[in-house]
Amino acid sequence: MYHHLVENYVNYQNNAVKHNEAFSVDEIEFMIYLTGTFMRLLLQLAEKTT
């Protein structure tokens, strides 16, 4: 699931954001929260390895 989410996240960023496509406020908010979720997961994994 994580791999699939990251793949779609990267594709969205590359296609929508870099090419100035129209996007809604809801999409922006979703991407902000998804970014935070990815960051939290990485931090939790880093804590487990120390």
PDB file of N, CA and C in Angstrom:
ATOM      1  N   MET A   1       0.821  -1.181   0.000  1.00  0.00           N
ATOM      2  CA  MET A   1       0.000   0.000   0.000  1.00  0.00           C
ATOM      3  C   MET A   1       0.870   1.252   0.000  1.00  0.00           C
ATOM      4  N   TYR A   2       1.917   1.238   0.814  1.00  0.00           N
ATOM      5  CA  TYR A   2       2.805   2.399   0.897  1.00  0.00           C
ATOM      6  C   TYR A   2       3.422   2.695  -0.465  1.00  0.00           C
ATOM      7  N   HIS A   3       3.911   1.664  -1.132  1.00  0.00           N
ATOM      8  CA  HIS A   3       4.545   1.845  -2.436  1.00  0.00           C
ATOM      9  C   HIS A   3       3.557   2.436  -3.446  1.00  0.00           C
ATOM     10  N   HIS A   4       2.348   1.956  -3.441  1.00  0.00           N
ATOM     11  CA  HIS A   4       1.320   2.445  -4.355  1.00  0.00           C
ATOM     12  C   HIS A   4       0.992   3.917  -4.069  1.00  0.00           C
ATOM     13  N   LEU A   5       0.862   4.282  -2.808  1.00  0.00           N
ATOM     14  CA  LEU A   5       0.590   5.676  -2.444  1.00  0.00           C
ATOM     15  C   LEU A   5       1.721   6.601  -2.868  1.00  0.00           C
ATOM     16  N   VAL A   6       2.950   6.181  -2.631  1.00  0.00           N
ATOM     17  CA  VAL A   6       4.098   7.012  -3.001  1.00  0.00           C
ATOM     18  C   VAL A   6       4.160   7.169  -4.521  1.00  0.00           C
ATOM     19  N   GLU A   7       3.913   6.106  -5.241  1.00  0.00           N
ATOM     20  CA  GLU A   7       3.945   6.171  -6.703  1.00  0.00           C
ATOM     21  C   GLU A   7       2.908   7.167  -7.227  1.00  0.00           C
ATOM     22  N   ASN A   8       1.696   7.086  -6.717  1.00  0.00           N
ATOM     23  CA  ASN A   8       0.646   8.020  -7.135  1.00  0.00           C
ATOM     24  C   ASN A   8       0.950   9.443  -6.690  1.00  0.00           C
ATOM     25  N   TYR A   9       1.521   9.597  -5.511  1.00  0.00           N
ATOM     26  CA  TYR A   9       1.907  10.909  -4.996  1.00  0.00           C
ATOM     27  C   TYR A   9       2.923  11.566  -5.937  1.00  0.00           C
ATOM     28  N   VAL A  10       3.936  10.821  -6.326  1.00  0.00           N
ATOM     29  CA  VAL A  10       4.972  11.339  -7.221  1.00  0.00           C
ATOM     30  C   VAL A  10       4.383  11.674  -8.589  1.00  0.00           C
ATOM     31  N   ASN A  11       3.555  10.801  -9.111  1.00  0.00           N
ATOM     32  CA  ASN A  11       2.930  11.059 -10.415  1.00  0.00           C
ATOM     33  C   ASN A  11       2.066  12.316 -10.373  1.00  0.00           C
ATOM     34  N   TYR A  12       1.302  12.476  -9.317  1.00  0.00           N
ATOM     35  CA  TYR A  12       0.458  13.669  -9.181  1.00  0.00           C
ATOM     36  C   TYR A  12       1.325  14.923  -9.132  1.00  0.00           C
ATOM     37  N   GLN A  13       2.361  14.887  -8.316  1.00  0.00           N
ATOM     38  CA  GLN A  13       3.242  16.051  -8.206  1.00  0.00           C
ATOM     39  C   GLN A  13       3.873  16.392  -9.550  1.00  0.00           C
ATOM     40  N   ASN A  14       4.358  15.402 -10.256  1.00  0.00           N
ATOM     41  CA  ASN A  14       5.002  15.644 -11.540  1.00  0.00           C
ATOM     42  C   ASN A  14       4.026  16.140 -12.600  1.00  0.00           C
ATOM     43  N   ASN A  15       2.848  15.557 -12.655  1.00  0.00           N
ATOM     44  CA  ASN A  15       1.899  15.899 -13.712  1.00  0.00           C
ATOM     45  C   ASN A  15       1.103  17.164 -13.424  1.00  0.00           C
ATOM     46  N   ALA A  16       0.558  17.277 -12.251  1.00  0.00           N
ATOM     47  CA  ALA A  16      -0.339  18.385 -11.953  1.00  0.00           C
ATOM     48  C   ALA A  16       0.406  19.654 -11.549  1.00  0.00           C
ATOM     49  N   VAL A  17       1.365  19.522 -10.689  1.00  0.00           N
ATOM     50  CA  VAL A  17       2.006  20.698 -10.123  1.00  0.00           C
ATOM     51  C   VAL A  17       3.016  21.309 -11.089  1.00  0.00           C
ATOM     52  N   LYS A  18       3.858  20.504 -11.665  1.00  0.00           N
ATOM     53  CA  LYS A  18       4.910  21.025 -12.536  1.00  0.00           C
ATOM     54  C   LYS A  18       4.374  21.589 -13.846  1.00  0.00           C
ATOM     55  N   HIS A  19       3.209  21.135 -14.264  1.00  0.00           N
ATOM     56  CA  HIS A  19       2.674  21.568 -15.547  1.00  0.00           C
ATOM     57  C   HIS A  19       1.530  22.573 -15.397  1.00  0.00           C
ATOM     58  N   ASN A  20       1.414  23.160 -14.226  1.00  0.00           N
ATOM     59  CA  ASN A  20       0.430  24.214 -13.951  1.00  0.00           C
ATOM     60  C   ASN A  20      -1.009  23.820 -14.288  1.00  0.00           C
ATOM     61  N   GLU A  21      -1.347  22.591 -14.020  1.00  0.00           N
ATOM     62  CA  GLU A  21      -2.727  22.171 -14.237  1.00  0.00           C
ATOM     63  C   GLU A  21      -3.597  22.723 -13.116  1.00  0.00           C
ATOM     64  N   ALA A  22      -4.864  22.864 -13.408  1.00  0.00           N
ATOM     65  CA  ALA A  22      -5.800  23.355 -12.399  1.00  0.00           C
ATOM     66  C   ALA A  22      -6.017  22.282 -11.333  1.00  0.00           C
ATOM     67  N   PHE A  23      -6.053  22.700 -10.097  1.00  0.00           N
ATOM     68  CA  PHE A  23      -6.315  21.781  -9.005  1.00  0.00           C
ATOM     69  C   PHE A  23      -7.157  22.500  -7.975  1.00  0.00           C
ATOM     70  N   SER A  24      -7.923  21.744  -7.222  1.00  0.00           N
ATOM     71  CA  SER A  24      -8.856  22.329  -6.261  1.00  0.00           C
ATOM     72  C   SER A  24      -8.194  22.493  -4.896  1.00  0.00           C
ATOM     73  N   VAL A  25      -8.831  23.285  -4.082  1.00  0.00           N
ATOM     74  CA  VAL A  25      -8.367  23.480  -2.713  1.00  0.00           C
ATOM     75  C   VAL A  25      -8.395  22.152  -1.956  1.00  0.00           C
ATOM     76  N   ASP A  26      -9.384  21.321  -2.244  1.00  0.00           N
ATOM     77  CA  ASP A  26      -9.478  20.007  -1.594  1.00  0.00           C
ATOM     78  C   ASP A  26      -8.284  19.130  -1.945  1.00  0.00           C
ATOM     79  N   GLU A  27      -7.848  19.178  -3.202  1.00  0.00           N
ATOM     80  CA  GLU A  27      -6.673  18.403  -3.611  1.00  0.00           C
ATOM     81  C   GLU A  27      -5.417  18.904  -2.911  1.00  0.00           C
ATOM     82  N   ILE A  28      -5.295  20.200  -2.783  1.00  0.00           N
ATOM     83  CA  ILE A  28      -4.132  20.774  -2.110  1.00  0.00           C
ATOM     84  C   ILE A  28      -4.098  20.332  -0.653  1.00  0.00           C
ATOM     85  N   GLU A  29      -5.235  20.427   0.012  1.00  0.00           N
ATOM     86  CA  GLU A  29      -5.298  20.018   1.418  1.00  0.00           C
ATOM     87  C   GLU A  29      -4.971  18.531   1.567  1.00  0.00           C
ATOM     88  N   PHE A  30      -5.494  17.710   0.670  1.00  0.00           N
ATOM     89  CA  PHE A  30      -5.206  16.276   0.703  1.00  0.00           C
ATOM     90  C   PHE A  30      -3.712  16.023   0.567  1.00  0.00           C
ATOM     91  N   MET A  31      -3.052  16.712  -0.366  1.00  0.00           N
ATOM     92  CA  MET A  31      -1.618  16.528  -0.586  1.00  0.00           C
ATOM     93  C   MET A  31      -0.803  16.981   0.631  1.00  0.00           C
ATOM     94  N   ILE A  32      -1.239  18.040   1.282  1.00  0.00           N
ATOM     95  CA  ILE A  32      -0.551  18.492   2.491  1.00  0.00           C
ATOM     96  C   ILE A  32      -0.632  17.423   3.579  1.00  0.00           C
ATOM     97  N   TYR A  33      -1.825  16.898   3.809  1.00  0.00           N
ATOM     98  CA  TYR A  33      -1.983  15.862   4.833  1.00  0.00           C
ATOM     99  C   TYR A  33      -1.260  14.572   4.452  1.00  0.00           C
ATOM    100  N   LEU A  34      -1.264  14.218   3.179  1.00  0.00           N
ATOM    101  CA  LEU A  34      -0.561  13.016   2.742  1.00  0.00           C
ATOM    102  C   LEU A  34       0.948  13.178   2.929  1.00  0.00           C
ATOM    103  N   THR A  35       1.459  14.364   2.638  1.00  0.00           N
ATOM    104  CA  THR A  35       2.881  14.642   2.865  1.00  0.00           C
ATOM    105  C   THR A  35       3.216  14.481   4.338  1.00  0.00           C
ATOM    106  N   GLY A  36       2.385  15.026   5.201  1.00  0.00           N
ATOM    107  CA  GLY A  36       2.595  14.892   6.642  1.00  0.00           C
ATOM    108  C   GLY A  36       2.553  13.444   7.101  1.00  0.00           C
ATOM    109  N   THR A  37       1.660  12.666   6.520  1.00  0.00           N
ATOM    110  CA  THR A  37       1.552  11.250   6.867  1.00  0.00           C
ATOM    111  C   THR A  37       2.819  10.495   6.464  1.00  0.00           C
ATOM    112  N   PHE A  38       3.340  10.786   5.266  1.00  0.00           N
ATOM    113  CA  PHE A  38       4.590  10.164   4.831  1.00  0.00           C
ATOM    114  C   PHE A  38       5.735  10.542   5.770  1.00  0.00           C
ATOM    115  N   MET A  39       5.797  11.807   6.133  1.00  0.00           N
ATOM    116  CA  MET A  39       6.869  12.262   7.021  1.00  0.00           C
ATOM    117  C   MET A  39       6.772  11.580   8.387  1.00  0.00           C
ATOM    118  N   ARG A  40       5.565  11.457   8.910  1.00  0.00           N
ATOM    119  CA  ARG A  40       5.371  10.802  10.209  1.00  0.00           C
ATOM    120  C   ARG A  40       5.798   9.339  10.147  1.00  0.00           C
ATOM    121  N   LEU A  41       5.449   8.645   9.071  1.00  0.00           N
ATOM    122  CA  LEU A  41       5.844   7.254   8.910  1.00  0.00           C
ATOM    123  C   LEU A  41       7.367   7.127   8.886  1.00  0.00           C
ATOM    124  N   LEU A  42       8.029   7.986   8.124  1.00  0.00           N
ATOM    125  CA  LEU A  42       9.491   7.938   8.056  1.00  0.00           C
ATOM    126  C   LEU A  42      10.126   8.211   9.413  1.00  0.00           C
ATOM    127  N   LEU A  43       9.585   9.161  10.146  1.00  0.00           N
ATOM    128  CA  LEU A  43      10.111   9.446  11.484  1.00  0.00           C
ATOM    129  C   LEU A  43       9.922   8.264  12.430  1.00  0.00           C
ATOM    130  N   GLN A  44       8.767   7.611  12.361  1.00  0.00           N
ATOM    131  CA  GLN A  44       8.525   6.449  13.212  1.00  0.00           C
ATOM    132  C   GLN A  44       9.466   5.304  12.859  1.00  0.00           C
ATOM    133  N   LEU A  45       9.701   5.098  11.572  1.00  0.00           N
ATOM    134  CA  LEU A  45      10.632   4.043  11.168  1.00  0.00           C
ATOM    135  C   LEU A  45      12.059   4.369  11.605  1.00  0.00           C
ATOM    136  N   ALA A  46      12.418   5.624  11.533  1.00  0.00           N
ATOM    137  CA  ALA A  46      13.773   6.038  11.952  1.00  0.00           C
ATOM    138  C   ALA A  46      13.955   5.834  13.454  1.00  0.00           C
ATOM    139  N   GLU A  47      12.930   6.088  14.228  1.00  0.00           N
ATOM    140  CA  GLU A  47      13.009   5.888  15.679  1.00  0.00           C
ATOM    141  C   GLU A  47      13.201   4.419  16.024  1.00  0.00           C
ATOM    142  N   LYS A  48      12.611   3.540  15.269  1.00  0.00           N
ATOM    143  CA  LYS A  48      12.729   2.097  15.527  1.00  0.00           C
ATOM    144  C   LYS A  48      14.125   1.568  15.247  1.00  0.00           C
ATOM    145  N   THR A  49      14.867   2.243  14.353  1.00  0.00           N
ATOM    146  CA  THR A  49      16.188   1.758  13.992  1.00  0.00           C
ATOM    147  C   THR A  49      17.273   2.308  14.910  1.00  0.00           C
ATOM    148  N   THR A  50      16.913   3.258  15.778  1.00  0.00           N
ATOM    149  CA  THR A  50      17.934   3.803  16.701  1.00  0.00           C
ATOM    150  C   THR A  50      17.833   3.202  18.060  1.00  0.00           C
TER     151      THR A  50
END
